[in-house]
PDB file of N, CA and C in Angstrom:
ATOM      1  N   MET A   1     -14.681  24.108 -20.967  1.00  0.00           N
ATOM      2  CA  MET A   1     -14.773  24.142 -19.499  1.00  0.00           C
ATOM      3  C   MET A   1     -15.041  22.734 -18.943  1.00  0.00           C
ATOM      4  N   LYS A   2     -15.960  22.030 -19.579  1.00  0.00           N
ATOM      5  CA  LYS A   2     -16.300  20.682 -19.130  1.00  0.00           C
ATOM      6  C   LYS A   2     -15.085  19.758 -19.235  1.00  0.00           C
ATOM      7  N   ALA A   3     -14.391  19.861 -20.371  1.00  0.00           N
ATOM      8  CA  ALA A   3     -13.215  19.018 -20.592  1.00  0.00           C
ATOM      9  C   ALA A   3     -12.155  19.281 -19.523  1.00  0.00           C
ATOM     10  N   PHE A   4     -11.962  20.548 -19.188  1.00  0.00           N
ATOM     11  CA  PHE A   4     -10.968  20.898 -18.178  1.00  0.00           C
ATOM     12  C   PHE A   4     -11.328  20.273 -16.825  1.00  0.00           C
ATOM     13  N   GLY A   5     -12.606  20.344 -16.478  1.00  0.00           N
ATOM     14  CA  GLY A   5     -13.073  19.751 -15.223  1.00  0.00           C
ATOM     15  C   GLY A   5     -12.812  18.255 -15.192  1.00  0.00           C
ATOM     16  N   LEU A   6     -13.033  17.601 -16.326  1.00  0.00           N
ATOM     17  CA  LEU A   6     -12.815  16.162 -16.424  1.00  0.00           C
ATOM     18  C   LEU A   6     -11.345  15.824 -16.222  1.00  0.00           C
ATOM     19  N   VAL A   7     -10.483  16.585 -16.887  1.00  0.00           N
ATOM     20  CA  VAL A   7      -9.039  16.370 -16.744  1.00  0.00           C
ATOM     21  C   VAL A   7      -8.614  16.568 -15.293  1.00  0.00           C
ATOM     22  N   GLU A   8      -9.145  17.609 -14.673  1.00  0.00           N
ATOM     23  CA  GLU A   8      -8.819  17.893 -13.277  1.00  0.00           C
ATOM     24  C   GLU A   8      -9.259  16.736 -12.382  1.00  0.00           C
ATOM     25  N   LEU A   9     -10.462  16.222 -12.653  1.00  0.00           N
ATOM     26  CA  LEU A   9     -10.998  15.109 -11.876  1.00  0.00           C
ATOM     27  C   LEU A   9     -10.129  13.868 -12.049  1.00  0.00           C
ATOM     28  N   MET A  10      -9.757  13.573 -13.294  1.00  0.00           N
ATOM     29  CA  MET A  10      -8.914  12.411 -13.564  1.00  0.00           C
ATOM     30  C   MET A  10      -7.564  12.552 -12.873  1.00  0.00           C
ATOM     31  N   ASP A  11      -7.025  13.765 -12.884  1.00  0.00           N
ATOM     32  CA  ASP A  11      -5.745  14.028 -12.230  1.00  0.00           C
ATOM     33  C   ASP A  11      -5.851  13.772 -10.733  1.00  0.00           C
ATOM     34  N   LYS A  12      -6.953  14.217 -10.139  1.00  0.00           N
ATOM     35  CA  LYS A  12      -7.180  13.993  -8.705  1.00  0.00           C
ATOM     36  C   LYS A  12      -7.270  12.498  -8.420  1.00  0.00           C
ATOM     37  N   GLU A  13      -8.056  11.795  -9.232  1.00  0.00           N
ATOM     38  CA  GLU A  13      -8.218  10.351  -9.060  1.00  0.00           C
ATOM     39  C   GLU A  13      -6.881   9.641  -9.183  1.00  0.00           C
ATOM     40  N   TRP A  14      -6.091  10.046 -10.180  1.00  0.00           N
ATOM     41  CA  TRP A  14      -4.794   9.424 -10.428  1.00  0.00           C
ATOM     42  C   TRP A  14      -3.871   9.636  -9.231  1.00  0.00           C
ATOM     43  N   ARG A  15      -3.853  10.858  -8.715  1.00  0.00           N
ATOM     44  CA  ARG A  15      -3.017  11.161  -7.540  1.00  0.00           C
ATOM     45  C   ARG A  15      -3.452  10.328  -6.352  1.00  0.00           C
ATOM     46  N   ARG A  16      -4.765  10.235  -6.153  1.00  0.00           N
ATOM     47  CA  ARG A  16      -5.312   9.502  -5.019  1.00  0.00           C
ATOM     48  C   ARG A  16      -4.930   8.032  -5.128  1.00  0.00           C
ATOM     49  N   SER A  17      -5.080   7.463  -6.329  1.00  0.00           N
ATOM     50  CA  SER A  17      -4.761   6.049  -6.501  1.00  0.00           C
ATOM     51  C   SER A  17      -3.265   5.814  -6.334  1.00  0.00           C
ATOM     52  N   ASN A  18      -2.454   6.772  -6.734  1.00  0.00           N
ATOM     53  CA  ASN A  18      -1.006   6.657  -6.540  1.00  0.00           C
ATOM     54  C   ASN A  18      -0.651   6.653  -5.060  1.00  0.00           C
ATOM     55  N   GLU A  19      -1.307   7.515  -4.296  1.00  0.00           N
ATOM     56  CA  GLU A  19      -1.082   7.554  -2.852  1.00  0.00           C
ATOM     57  C   GLU A  19      -1.497   6.226  -2.229  1.00  0.00           C
ATOM     58  N   GLU A  20      -2.633   5.689  -2.668  1.00  0.00           N
ATOM     59  CA  GLU A  20      -3.103   4.400  -2.170  1.00  0.00           C
ATOM     60  C   GLU A  20      -2.080   3.309  -2.462  1.00  0.00           C
ATOM     61  N   LYS A  21      -1.564   3.299  -3.701  1.00  0.00           N
ATOM     62  CA  LYS A  21      -0.569   2.298  -4.093  1.00  0.00           C
ATOM     63  C   LYS A  21       0.666   2.387  -3.205  1.00  0.00           C
ATOM     64  N   GLU A  22       1.101   3.611  -2.927  1.00  0.00           N
ATOM     65  CA  GLU A  22       2.273   3.800  -2.061  1.00  0.00           C
ATOM     66  C   GLU A  22       1.998   3.268  -0.659  1.00  0.00           C
ATOM     67  N   LYS A  23       0.811   3.559  -0.132  1.00  0.00           N
ATOM     68  CA  LYS A  23       0.440   3.073   1.199  1.00  0.00           C
ATOM     69  C   LYS A  23       0.434   1.555   1.230  1.00  0.00           C
ATOM     70  N   ILE A  24      -0.187   0.957   0.215  1.00  0.00           N
ATOM     71  CA  ILE A  24      -0.276  -0.500   0.135  1.00  0.00           C
ATOM     72  C   ILE A  24       1.114  -1.111   0.038  1.00  0.00           C
ATOM     73  N   GLU A  25       1.963  -0.515  -0.786  1.00  0.00           N
ATOM     74  CA  GLU A  25       3.329  -1.027  -0.968  1.00  0.00           C
ATOM     75  C   GLU A  25       4.104  -0.962   0.344  1.00  0.00           C
ATOM     76  N   LYS A  26       4.000   0.157   1.063  1.00  0.00           N
ATOM     77  CA  LYS A  26       4.683   0.292   2.363  1.00  0.00           C
ATOM     78  C   LYS A  26       4.178  -0.765   3.333  1.00  0.00           C
ATOM     79  N   GLU A  27       2.859  -0.945   3.385  1.00  0.00           N
ATOM     80  CA  GLU A  27       2.249  -1.924   4.279  1.00  0.00           C
ATOM     81  C   GLU A  27       2.731  -3.325   3.922  1.00  0.00           C
ATOM     82  N   ARG A  28       2.788  -3.615   2.617  1.00  0.00           N
ATOM     83  CA  ARG A  28       3.238  -4.923   2.147  1.00  0.00           C
ATOM     84  C   ARG A  28       4.684  -5.177   2.574  1.00  0.00           C
ATOM     85  N   GLN A  29       5.536  -4.183   2.384  1.00  0.00           N
ATOM     86  CA  GLN A  29       6.940  -4.315   2.794  1.00  0.00           C
ATOM     87  C   GLN A  29       7.036  -4.575   4.297  1.00  0.00           C
ATOM     88  N   ARG A  30       6.222  -3.866   5.068  1.00  0.00           N
ATOM     89  CA  ARG A  30       6.232  -4.023   6.523  1.00  0.00           C
ATOM     90  C   ARG A  30       5.808  -5.440   6.899  1.00  0.00           C
ATOM     91  N   LEU A  31       4.774  -5.934   6.240  1.00  0.00           N
ATOM     92  CA  LEU A  31       4.297  -7.285   6.515  1.00  0.00           C
ATOM     93  C   LEU A  31       5.345  -8.325   6.150  1.00  0.00           C
ATOM     94  N   ILE A  32       6.007  -8.134   5.011  1.00  0.00           N
ATOM     95  CA  ILE A  32       7.055  -9.061   4.578  1.00  0.00           C
ATOM     96  C   ILE A  32       8.171  -9.101   5.624  1.00  0.00           C
ATOM     97  N   GLN A  33       8.577  -7.939   6.110  1.00  0.00           N
ATOM     98  CA  GLN A  33       9.626  -7.876   7.133  1.00  0.00           C
ATOM     99  C   GLN A  33       9.171  -8.588   8.404  1.00  0.00           C
ATOM    100  N   THR A  34       7.923  -8.384   8.784  1.00  0.00           N
ATOM    101  CA  THR A  34       7.381  -9.027   9.978  1.00  0.00           C
ATOM    102  C   THR A  34       7.390 -10.536   9.816  1.00  0.00           C
ATOM    103  N   VAL A  35       6.955 -11.004   8.660  1.00  0.00           N
ATOM    104  CA  VAL A  35       6.923 -12.444   8.388  1.00  0.00           C
ATOM    105  C   VAL A  35       8.334 -13.018   8.406  1.00  0.00           C
ATOM    106  N   ASP A  36       9.272 -12.321   7.754  1.00  0.00           N
ATOM    107  CA  ASP A  36      10.667 -12.767   7.759  1.00  0.00           C
ATOM    108  C   ASP A  36      11.176 -12.892   9.186  1.00  0.00           C
ATOM    109  N   TRP A  37      10.846 -11.913  10.020  1.00  0.00           N
ATOM    110  CA  TRP A  37      11.309 -11.910  11.402  1.00  0.00           C
ATOM    111  C   TRP A  37      10.701 -13.075  12.186  1.00  0.00           C
ATOM    112  N   THR A  38       9.408 -13.306  12.021  1.00  0.00           N
ATOM    113  CA  THR A  38       8.746 -14.381  12.767  1.00  0.00           C
ATOM    114  C   THR A  38       9.235 -15.739  12.293  1.00  0.00           C
ATOM    115  N   ASN A  39       9.601 -15.850  11.021  1.00  0.00           N
ATOM    116  CA  ASN A  39      10.117 -17.119  10.509  1.00  0.00           C
ATOM    117  C   ASN A  39      11.471 -17.463  11.118  1.00  0.00           C
ATOM    118  N   GLU A  40      12.244 -16.444  11.480  1.00  0.00           N
ATOM    119  CA  GLU A  40      13.565 -16.680  12.061  1.00  0.00           C
ATOM    120  C   GLU A  40      13.473 -17.086  13.529  1.00  0.00           C
ATOM    121  N   VAL A  41      12.389 -16.714  14.182  1.00  0.00           N
ATOM    122  CA  VAL A  41      12.229 -17.030  15.605  1.00  0.00           C
ATOM    123  C   VAL A  41      11.726 -18.468  15.736  1.00  0.00           C
ATOM    124  N   PRO A  42      12.382 -19.290  16.573  1.00  0.00           N
ATOM    125  CA  PRO A  42      11.885 -20.659  16.795  1.00  0.00           C
ATOM    126  C   PRO A  42      10.478 -20.623  17.389  1.00  0.00           C
ATOM    127  N   ARG A  43       9.580 -21.394  16.803  1.00  0.00           N
ATOM    128  CA  ARG A  43       8.198 -21.374  17.265  1.00  0.00           C
ATOM    129  C   ARG A  43       8.053 -22.226  18.525  1.00  0.00           C
ATOM    130  N   SER A  44       7.317 -21.713  19.490  1.00  0.00           N
ATOM    131  CA  SER A  44       6.922 -22.542  20.618  1.00  0.00           C
ATOM    132  C   SER A  44       5.524 -23.075  20.311  1.00  0.00           C
ATOM    133  N   GLY A  45       5.146 -24.186  20.917  1.00  0.00           N
ATOM    134  CA  GLY A  45       3.909 -24.866  20.517  1.00  0.00           C
ATOM    135  C   GLY A  45       2.643 -24.265  21.078  1.00  0.00           C
ATOM    136  N   ASP A  46       2.687 -23.051  21.647  1.00  0.00           N
ATOM    137  CA  ASP A  46       1.490 -22.489  22.278  1.00  0.00           C
ATOM    138  C   ASP A  46       0.728 -21.536  21.367  1.00  0.00           C
ATOM    139  N   ASP A  47       0.884 -21.659  20.082  1.00  0.00           N
ATOM    140  CA  ASP A  47       0.278 -20.797  19.065  1.00  0.00           C
ATOM    141  C   ASP A  47      -1.138 -20.395  19.446  1.00  0.00           C
TER     142      ASP A  47
END
């Protein structure tokens, strides 16, 4: 019974970390696209 609970817990943790990784990856892709876009725009000196 204890072993089963541990496996279940690890499975939950693994799923959670996978979801986190997906979120981070999506956010990273979004940031990269944003940076690419801002790099293409001529900068004005009023930063």
